[in-house]
Amino acid sequence: MRLDEACVRWMTYPLHEFARGRQTLRELQILRGLARQSAEDVARDANRRLTHLLRFAAERLPFYAARFTQAGVRVDATNPIVELL
């Protein structure tokens, strides 16, 4: 790896993402960890993350809160994928 590539990869990009308020590198670590887990663990983690995302949308975004109500989606469901289908 050339010096300029190393600077971008290990210094510039992480600082840029931090300044933008993004957690890209943290998410990348999570995804790499999921690659070593069983299918059941991956499905459980996907359900947990989707539930968190649905709750966030229902609590803070009136557009999606109204859509969820119209569609009868329960954001507290134990299996959010079934609720969305």
PDB file of N, CA and C in Angstrom:
ATOM      1  N   MET A   1       0.857  -1.169   0.000  1.00  0.00           N
ATOM      2  CA  MET A   1       0.000   0.000   0.000  1.00  0.00           C
ATOM      3  C   MET A   1       0.909   1.241   0.000  1.00  0.00           C
ATOM      4  N   ARG A   2       0.590   2.142  -0.894  1.00  0.00           N
ATOM      5  CA  ARG A   2       1.361   3.378  -0.976  1.00  0.00           C
ATOM      6  C   ARG A   2       1.035   4.278   0.207  1.00  0.00           C
ATOM      7  N   LEU A   3       1.923   5.232   0.453  1.00  0.00           N
ATOM      8  CA  LEU A   3       1.760   6.132   1.590  1.00  0.00           C
ATOM      9  C   LEU A   3       0.488   6.963   1.473  1.00  0.00           C
ATOM     10  N   ASP A   4       0.193   7.474   0.277  1.00  0.00           N
ATOM     11  CA  ASP A   4      -1.013   8.283   0.124  1.00  0.00           C
ATOM     12  C   ASP A   4      -2.274   7.455   0.335  1.00  0.00           C
ATOM     13  N   GLU A   5      -2.277   6.204  -0.116  1.00  0.00           N
ATOM     14  CA  GLU A   5      -3.425   5.323   0.121  1.00  0.00           C
ATOM     15  C   GLU A   5      -3.587   5.046   1.615  1.00  0.00           C
ATOM     16  N   ALA A   6      -2.486   4.825   2.294  1.00  0.00           N
ATOM     17  CA  ALA A   6      -2.541   4.563   3.736  1.00  0.00           C
ATOM     18  C   ALA A   6      -3.054   5.780   4.497  1.00  0.00           C
ATOM     19  N   CYS A   7      -2.645   6.963   4.095  1.00  0.00           N
ATOM     20  CA  CYS A   7      -3.120   8.187   4.764  1.00  0.00           C
ATOM     21  C   CYS A   7      -4.625   8.356   4.608  1.00  0.00           C
ATOM     22  N   VAL A   8      -5.115   8.093   3.415  1.00  0.00           N
ATOM     23  CA  VAL A   8      -6.560   8.225   3.193  1.00  0.00           C
ATOM     24  C   VAL A   8      -7.311   7.163   3.977  1.00  0.00           C
ATOM     25  N   ARG A   9      -6.832   5.932   3.908  1.00  0.00           N
ATOM     26  CA  ARG A   9      -7.538   4.827   4.563  1.00  0.00           C
ATOM     27  C   ARG A   9      -7.554   4.940   6.080  1.00  0.00           C
ATOM     28  N   TRP A  10      -6.432   5.311   6.665  1.00  0.00           N
ATOM     29  CA  TRP A  10      -6.319   5.266   8.116  1.00  0.00           C
ATOM     30  C   TRP A  10      -6.465   6.613   8.811  1.00  0.00           C
ATOM     31  N   MET A  11      -6.391   7.738   8.065  1.00  0.00           N
ATOM     32  CA  MET A  11      -6.488   9.045   8.722  1.00  0.00           C
ATOM     33  C   MET A  11      -7.591   9.910   8.116  1.00  0.00           C
ATOM     34  N   THR A  12      -7.493  10.187   6.830  1.00  0.00           N
ATOM     35  CA  THR A  12      -8.413  11.140   6.213  1.00  0.00           C
ATOM     36  C   THR A  12      -9.853  10.638   6.246  1.00  0.00           C
ATOM     37  N   TYR A  13     -10.076   9.417   5.788  1.00  0.00           N
ATOM     38  CA  TYR A  13     -11.449   8.895   5.739  1.00  0.00           C
ATOM     39  C   TYR A  13     -12.084   8.790   7.127  1.00  0.00           C
ATOM     40  N   PRO A  14     -11.402   8.205   8.120  1.00  0.00           N
ATOM     41  CA  PRO A  14     -12.020   8.174   9.452  1.00  0.00           C
ATOM     42  C   PRO A  14     -12.323   9.559  10.013  1.00  0.00           C
ATOM     43  N   LEU A  15     -11.425  10.520   9.800  1.00  0.00           N
ATOM     44  CA  LEU A  15     -11.687  11.877  10.282  1.00  0.00           C
ATOM     45  C   LEU A  15     -12.871  12.515   9.554  1.00  0.00           C
ATOM     46  N   HIS A  16     -12.969  12.277   8.262  1.00  0.00           N
ATOM     47  CA  HIS A  16     -14.087  12.801   7.479  1.00  0.00           C
ATOM     48  C   HIS A  16     -15.412  12.233   7.983  1.00  0.00           C
ATOM     49  N   GLU A  17     -15.461  10.939   8.186  1.00  0.00           N
ATOM     50  CA  GLU A  17     -16.687  10.306   8.659  1.00  0.00           C
ATOM     51  C   GLU A  17     -17.052  10.788  10.055  1.00  0.00           C
ATOM     52  N   PHE A  18     -16.059  10.959  10.913  1.00  0.00           N
ATOM     53  CA  PHE A  18     -16.298  11.473  12.260  1.00  0.00           C
ATOM     54  C   PHE A  18     -16.846  12.897  12.202  1.00  0.00           C
ATOM     55  N   ALA A  19     -16.240  13.738  11.362  1.00  0.00           N
ATOM     56  CA  ALA A  19     -16.696  15.126  11.234  1.00  0.00           C
ATOM     57  C   ALA A  19     -18.113  15.216  10.693  1.00  0.00           C
ATOM     58  N   ARG A  20     -18.501  14.272   9.836  1.00  0.00           N
ATOM     59  CA  ARG A  20     -19.852  14.256   9.278  1.00  0.00           C
ATOM     60  C   ARG A  20     -20.871  13.635  10.233  1.00  0.00           C
ATOM     61  N   GLY A  21     -20.391  13.059  11.336  1.00  0.00           N
ATOM     62  CA  GLY A  21     -21.288  12.454  12.309  1.00  0.00           C
ATOM     63  C   GLY A  21     -21.745  11.058  11.918  1.00  0.00           C
ATOM     64  N   ARG A  22     -21.024  10.452  11.028  1.00  0.00           N
ATOM     65  CA  ARG A  22     -21.376   9.102  10.569  1.00  0.00           C
ATOM     66  C   ARG A  22     -20.622   8.055  11.374  1.00  0.00           C
ATOM     67  N   GLN A  23     -21.216   6.901  11.489  1.00  0.00           N
ATOM     68  CA  GLN A  23     -20.588   5.796  12.210  1.00  0.00           C
ATOM     69  C   GLN A  23     -20.236   4.673  11.233  1.00  0.00           C
ATOM     70  N   THR A  24     -19.716   5.037  10.096  1.00  0.00           N
ATOM     71  CA  THR A  24     -19.428   4.083   9.027  1.00  0.00           C
ATOM     72  C   THR A  24     -18.467   2.999   9.473  1.00  0.00           C
ATOM     73  N   LEU A  25     -17.389   3.369  10.115  1.00  0.00           N
ATOM     74  CA  LEU A  25     -16.394   2.373  10.513  1.00  0.00           C
ATOM     75  C   LEU A  25     -16.930   1.445  11.597  1.00  0.00           C
ATOM     76  N   ARG A  26     -17.752   1.964  12.481  1.00  0.00           N
ATOM     77  CA  ARG A  26     -18.380   1.115  13.503  1.00  0.00           C
ATOM     78  C   ARG A  26     -19.319   0.103  12.850  1.00  0.00           C
ATOM     79  N   GLU A  27     -20.101   0.574  11.886  1.00  0.00           N
ATOM     80  CA  GLU A  27     -21.016  -0.326  11.171  1.00  0.00           C
ATOM     81  C   GLU A  27     -20.240  -1.378  10.398  1.00  0.00           C
ATOM     82  N   LEU A  28     -19.105  -1.004   9.818  1.00  0.00           N
ATOM     83  CA  LEU A  28     -18.275  -1.961   9.106  1.00  0.00           C
ATOM     84  C   LEU A  28     -17.771  -3.050  10.048  1.00  0.00           C
ATOM     85  N   GLN A  29     -17.374  -2.678  11.248  1.00  0.00           N
ATOM     86  CA  GLN A  29     -16.938  -3.672  12.234  1.00  0.00           C
ATOM     87  C   GLN A  29     -18.071  -4.623  12.589  1.00  0.00           C
ATOM     88  N   ILE A  30     -19.282  -4.087  12.725  1.00  0.00           N
ATOM     89  CA  ILE A  30     -20.443  -4.927  13.033  1.00  0.00           C
ATOM     90  C   ILE A  30     -20.689  -5.911  11.901  1.00  0.00           C
ATOM     91  N   LEU A  31     -20.644  -5.432  10.660  1.00  0.00           N
ATOM     92  CA  LEU A  31     -20.873  -6.312   9.514  1.00  0.00           C
ATOM     93  C   LEU A  31     -19.805  -7.394   9.409  1.00  0.00           C
ATOM     94  N   ARG A  32     -18.578  -7.034   9.680  1.00  0.00           N
ATOM     95  CA  ARG A  32     -17.509  -8.049   9.656  1.00  0.00           C
ATOM     96  C   ARG A  32     -17.742  -9.100  10.741  1.00  0.00           C
ATOM     97  N   GLY A  33     -18.232  -8.670  11.887  1.00  0.00           N
ATOM     98  CA  GLY A  33     -18.541  -9.618  12.948  1.00  0.00           C
ATOM     99  C   GLY A  33     -19.690 -10.537  12.575  1.00  0.00           C
ATOM    100  N   LEU A  34     -20.678 -10.009  11.838  1.00  0.00           N
ATOM    101  CA  LEU A  34     -21.807 -10.835  11.410  1.00  0.00           C
ATOM    102  C   LEU A  34     -21.381 -11.930  10.444  1.00  0.00           C
ATOM    103  N   ALA A  35     -20.329 -11.706   9.696  1.00  0.00           N
ATOM    104  CA  ALA A  35     -19.854 -12.705   8.742  1.00  0.00           C
ATOM    105  C   ALA A  35     -19.384 -13.969   9.445  1.00  0.00           C
ATOM    106  N   ARG A  36     -19.035 -13.865  10.715  1.00  0.00           N
ATOM    107  CA  ARG A  36     -18.557 -15.029  11.469  1.00  0.00           C
ATOM    108  C   ARG A  36     -19.639 -15.656  12.340  1.00  0.00           C
ATOM    109  N   GLN A  37     -20.866 -15.149  12.265  1.00  0.00           N
ATOM    110  CA  GLN A  37     -21.936 -15.661  13.119  1.00  0.00           C
ATOM    111  C   GLN A  37     -22.819 -16.646  12.363  1.00  0.00           C
ATOM    112  N   SER A  38     -23.608 -17.373  13.127  1.00  0.00           N
ATOM    113  CA  SER A  38     -24.542 -18.328  12.526  1.00  0.00           C
ATOM    114  C   SER A  38     -25.715 -17.580  11.903  1.00  0.00           C
ATOM    115  N   ALA A  39     -26.465 -18.281  11.070  1.00  0.00           N
ATOM    116  CA  ALA A  39     -27.613 -17.672  10.393  1.00  0.00           C
ATOM    117  C   ALA A  39     -28.661 -17.205  11.403  1.00  0.00           C
ATOM    118  N   GLU A  40     -28.846 -17.953  12.483  1.00  0.00           N
ATOM    119  CA  GLU A  40     -29.815 -17.567  13.502  1.00  0.00           C
ATOM    120  C   GLU A  40     -29.403 -16.271  14.196  1.00  0.00           C
ATOM    121  N   ASP A  41     -28.122 -16.143  14.481  1.00  0.00           N
ATOM    122  CA  ASP A  41     -27.628 -14.921  15.116  1.00  0.00           C
ATOM    123  C   ASP A  41     -27.774 -13.719  14.190  1.00  0.00           C
ATOM    124  N   VAL A  42     -27.512 -13.930  12.912  1.00  0.00           N
ATOM    125  CA  VAL A  42     -27.656 -12.845  11.937  1.00  0.00           C
ATOM    126  C   VAL A  42     -29.120 -12.428  11.840  1.00  0.00           C
ATOM    127  N   ALA A  43     -30.040 -13.399  11.795  1.00  0.00           N
ATOM    128  CA  ALA A  43     -31.471 -13.085  11.714  1.00  0.00           C
ATOM    129  C   ALA A  43     -31.935 -12.352  12.972  1.00  0.00           C
ATOM    130  N   ARG A  44     -31.459 -12.769  14.138  1.00  0.00           N
ATOM    131  CA  ARG A  44     -31.817 -12.118  15.388  1.00  0.00           C
ATOM    132  C   ARG A  44     -31.317 -10.672  15.396  1.00  0.00           C
ATOM    133  N   ASP A  45     -30.091 -10.466  14.932  1.00  0.00           N
ATOM    134  CA  ASP A  45     -29.539  -9.116  14.886  1.00  0.00           C
ATOM    135  C   ASP A  45     -30.295  -8.255  13.873  1.00  0.00           C
ATOM    136  N   ALA A  46     -30.669  -8.828  12.732  1.00  0.00           N
ATOM    137  CA  ALA A  46     -31.431  -8.077  11.730  1.00  0.00           C
ATOM    138  C   ALA A  46     -32.792  -7.659  12.292  1.00  0.00           C
ATOM    139  N   ASN A  47     -33.457  -8.557  13.013  1.00  0.00           N
ATOM    140  CA  ASN A  47     -34.738  -8.219  13.630  1.00  0.00           C
ATOM    141  C   ASN A  47     -34.585  -7.117  14.670  1.00  0.00           C
ATOM    142  N   ARG A  48     -33.520  -7.188  15.458  1.00  0.00           N
ATOM    143  CA  ARG A  48     -33.273  -6.162  16.472  1.00  0.00           C
ATOM    144  C   ARG A  48     -33.044  -4.807  15.823  1.00  0.00           C
ATOM    145  N   ARG A  49     -32.226  -4.788  14.789  1.00  0.00           N
ATOM    146  CA  ARG A  49     -31.926  -3.518  14.112  1.00  0.00           C
ATOM    147  C   ARG A  49     -33.144  -2.959  13.389  1.00  0.00           C
ATOM    148  N   LEU A  50     -33.936  -3.830  12.763  1.00  0.00           N
ATOM    149  CA  LEU A  50     -35.141  -3.374  12.065  1.00  0.00           C
ATOM    150  C   LEU A  50     -36.160  -2.834  13.058  1.00  0.00           C
ATOM    151  N   THR A  51     -36.307  -3.490  14.202  1.00  0.00           N
ATOM    152  CA  THR A  51     -37.214  -3.001  15.238  1.00  0.00           C
ATOM    153  C   THR A  51     -36.791  -1.622  15.710  1.00  0.00           C
ATOM    154  N   HIS A  52     -35.497  -1.442  15.919  1.00  0.00           N
ATOM    155  CA  HIS A  52     -34.977  -0.129  16.337  1.00  0.00           C
ATOM    156  C   HIS A  52     -35.282   0.924  15.272  1.00  0.00           C
ATOM    157  N   LEU A  53     -35.080   0.588  14.009  1.00  0.00           N
ATOM    158  CA  LEU A  53     -35.325   1.528  12.921  1.00  0.00           C
ATOM    159  C   LEU A  53     -36.807   1.884  12.816  1.00  0.00           C
ATOM    160  N   LEU A  54     -37.689   0.890  12.955  1.00  0.00           N
ATOM    161  CA  LEU A  54     -39.130   1.155  12.897  1.00  0.00           C
ATOM    162  C   LEU A  54     -39.581   2.040  14.057  1.00  0.00           C
ATOM    163  N   ARG A  55     -39.067   1.769  15.251  1.00  0.00           N
ATOM    164  CA  ARG A  55     -39.418   2.605  16.405  1.00  0.00           C
ATOM    165  C   ARG A  55     -38.945   4.039  16.210  1.00  0.00           C
ATOM    166  N   PHE A  56     -37.726   4.187  15.708  1.00  0.00           N
ATOM    167  CA  PHE A  56     -37.189   5.523  15.447  1.00  0.00           C
ATOM    168  C   PHE A  56     -38.095   6.262  14.463  1.00  0.00           C
ATOM    169  N   ALA A  57     -38.473   5.598  13.372  1.00  0.00           N
ATOM    170  CA  ALA A  57     -39.318   6.235  12.360  1.00  0.00           C
ATOM    171  C   ALA A  57     -40.687   6.579  12.919  1.00  0.00           C
ATOM    172  N   ALA A  58     -41.277   5.677  13.695  1.00  0.00           N
ATOM    173  CA  ALA A  58     -42.613   5.922  14.241  1.00  0.00           C
ATOM    174  C   ALA A  58     -42.617   7.045  15.276  1.00  0.00           C
ATOM    175  N   GLU A  59     -41.547   7.160  16.052  1.00  0.00           N
ATOM    176  CA  GLU A  59     -41.490   8.175  17.113  1.00  0.00           C
ATOM    177  C   GLU A  59     -41.089   9.556  16.609  1.00  0.00           C
ATOM    178  N   ARG A  60     -40.242   9.608  15.585  1.00  0.00           N
ATOM    179  CA  ARG A  60     -39.665  10.901  15.201  1.00  0.00           C
ATOM    180  C   ARG A  60     -40.052  11.400  13.816  1.00  0.00           C
ATOM    181  N   LEU A  61     -40.686  10.567  13.012  1.00  0.00           N
ATOM    182  CA  LEU A  61     -41.022  10.975  11.647  1.00  0.00           C
ATOM    183  C   LEU A  61     -42.531  10.830  11.434  1.00  0.00           C
ATOM    184  N   PRO A  62     -43.256  11.928  11.510  1.00  0.00           N
ATOM    185  CA  PRO A  62     -44.720  11.872  11.416  1.00  0.00           C
ATOM    186  C   PRO A  62     -45.227  11.198  10.142  1.00  0.00           C
ATOM    187  N   PHE A  63     -44.516  11.377   9.033  1.00  0.00           N
ATOM    188  CA  PHE A  63     -44.938  10.741   7.780  1.00  0.00           C
ATOM    189  C   PHE A  63     -45.021   9.232   7.942  1.00  0.00           C
ATOM    190  N   TYR A  64     -43.957   8.629   8.480  1.00  0.00           N
ATOM    191  CA  TYR A  64     -43.932   7.177   8.642  1.00  0.00           C
ATOM    192  C   TYR A  64     -44.843   6.715   9.766  1.00  0.00           C
ATOM    193  N   ALA A  65     -44.994   7.505  10.805  1.00  0.00           N
ATOM    194  CA  ALA A  65     -45.934   7.142  11.869  1.00  0.00           C
ATOM    195  C   ALA A  65     -47.334   7.012  11.308  1.00  0.00           C
ATOM    196  N   ALA A  66     -47.728   7.946  10.442  1.00  0.00           N
ATOM    197  CA  ALA A  66     -49.054   7.877   9.825  1.00  0.00           C
ATOM    198  C   ALA A  66     -49.166   6.676   8.899  1.00  0.00           C
ATOM    199  N   ARG A  67     -48.120   6.401   8.134  1.00  0.00           N
ATOM    200  CA  ARG A  67     -48.154   5.246   7.223  1.00  0.00           C
ATOM    201  C   ARG A  67     -48.235   3.928   7.994  1.00  0.00           C
ATOM    202  N   PHE A  68     -47.498   3.826   9.078  1.00  0.00           N
ATOM    203  CA  PHE A  68     -47.548   2.611   9.886  1.00  0.00           C
ATOM    204  C   PHE A  68     -48.948   2.415  10.465  1.00  0.00           C
ATOM    205  N   THR A  69     -49.558   3.497  10.927  1.00  0.00           N
ATOM    206  CA  THR A  69     -50.911   3.412  11.476  1.00  0.00           C
ATOM    207  C   THR A  69     -51.900   2.980  10.398  1.00  0.00           C
ATOM    208  N   GLN A  70     -51.805   3.569   9.219  1.00  0.00           N
ATOM    209  CA  GLN A  70     -52.697   3.202   8.118  1.00  0.00           C
ATOM    210  C   GLN A  70     -52.554   1.737   7.730  1.00  0.00           C
ATOM    211  N   ALA A  71     -51.330   1.249   7.720  1.00  0.00           N
ATOM    212  CA  ALA A  71     -51.075  -0.128   7.308  1.00  0.00           C
ATOM    213  C   ALA A  71     -51.266  -1.128   8.436  1.00  0.00           C
ATOM    214  N   GLY A  72     -51.458  -0.649   9.660  1.00  0.00           N
ATOM    215  CA  GLY A  72     -51.631  -1.543  10.799  1.00  0.00           C
ATOM    216  C   GLY A  72     -50.343  -2.199  11.259  1.00  0.00           C
ATOM    217  N   VAL A  73     -49.235  -1.548  11.003  1.00  0.00           N
ATOM    218  CA  VAL A  73     -47.935  -2.089  11.413  1.00  0.00           C
ATOM    219  C   VAL A  73     -47.698  -1.755  12.875  1.00  0.00           C
ATOM    220  N   ARG A  74     -47.408  -2.787  13.672  1.00  0.00           N
ATOM    221  CA  ARG A  74     -47.059  -2.591  15.084  1.00  0.00           C
ATOM    222  C   ARG A  74     -45.538  -2.550  15.184  1.00  0.00           C
ATOM    223  N   VAL A  75     -45.027  -1.417  15.593  1.00  0.00           N
ATOM    224  CA  VAL A  75     -43.570  -1.283  15.648  1.00  0.00           C
ATOM    225  C   VAL A  75     -42.961  -2.031  16.831  1.00  0.00           C
ATOM    226  N   ASP A  76     -43.773  -2.459  17.781  1.00  0.00           N
ATOM    227  CA  ASP A  76     -43.271  -3.208  18.932  1.00  0.00           C
ATOM    228  C   ASP A  76     -43.341  -4.715  18.726  1.00  0.00           C
ATOM    229  N   ALA A  77     -43.665  -5.155  17.523  1.00  0.00           N
ATOM    230  CA  ALA A  77     -43.824  -6.589  17.265  1.00  0.00           C
ATOM    231  C   ALA A  77     -42.497  -7.314  17.463  1.00  0.00           C
ATOM    232  N   THR A  78     -42.578  -8.587  17.851  1.00  0.00           N
ATOM    233  CA  THR A  78     -41.362  -9.364  18.062  1.00  0.00           C
ATOM    234  C   THR A  78     -40.706  -9.744  16.744  1.00  0.00           C
ATOM    235  N   ASN A  79     -41.484  -9.830  15.672  1.00  0.00           N
ATOM    236  CA  ASN A  79     -40.943 -10.132  14.364  1.00  0.00           C
ATOM    237  C   ASN A  79     -41.357  -9.038  13.385  1.00  0.00           C
ATOM    238  N   PRO A  80     -40.574  -8.000  13.237  1.00  0.00           N
ATOM    239  CA  PRO A  80     -40.978  -6.864  12.420  1.00  0.00           C
ATOM    240  C   PRO A  80     -41.118  -7.196  10.936  1.00  0.00           C
ATOM    241  N   ILE A  81     -40.415  -8.202  10.451  1.00  0.00           N
ATOM    242  CA  ILE A  81     -40.516  -8.564   9.036  1.00  0.00           C
ATOM    243  C   ILE A  81     -41.919  -9.049   8.721  1.00  0.00           C
ATOM    244  N   VAL A  82     -42.501  -9.844   9.602  1.00  0.00           N
ATOM    245  CA  VAL A  82     -43.872 -10.343   9.402  1.00  0.00           C
ATOM    246  C   VAL A  82     -44.844  -9.172   9.419  1.00  0.00           C
ATOM    247  N   GLU A  83     -44.618  -8.200  10.296  1.00  0.00           N
ATOM    248  CA  GLU A  83     -45.493  -7.029  10.357  1.00  0.00           C
ATOM    249  C   GLU A  83     -45.476  -6.245   9.042  1.00  0.00           C
ATOM    250  N   LEU A  84     -44.318  -6.148   8.428  1.00  0.00           N
ATOM    251  CA  LEU A  84     -44.204  -5.363   7.197  1.00  0.00           C
ATOM    252  C   LEU A  84     -44.789  -6.081   5.988  1.00  0.00           C
ATOM    253  N   LEU A  85     -44.861  -7.388   6.064  1.00  0.00           N
ATOM    254  CA  LEU A  85     -45.439  -8.143   4.941  1.00  0.00           C
ATOM    255  C   LEU A  85     -46.917  -8.154   5.105  1.00  0.00           C
TER     256      LEU A  85
END
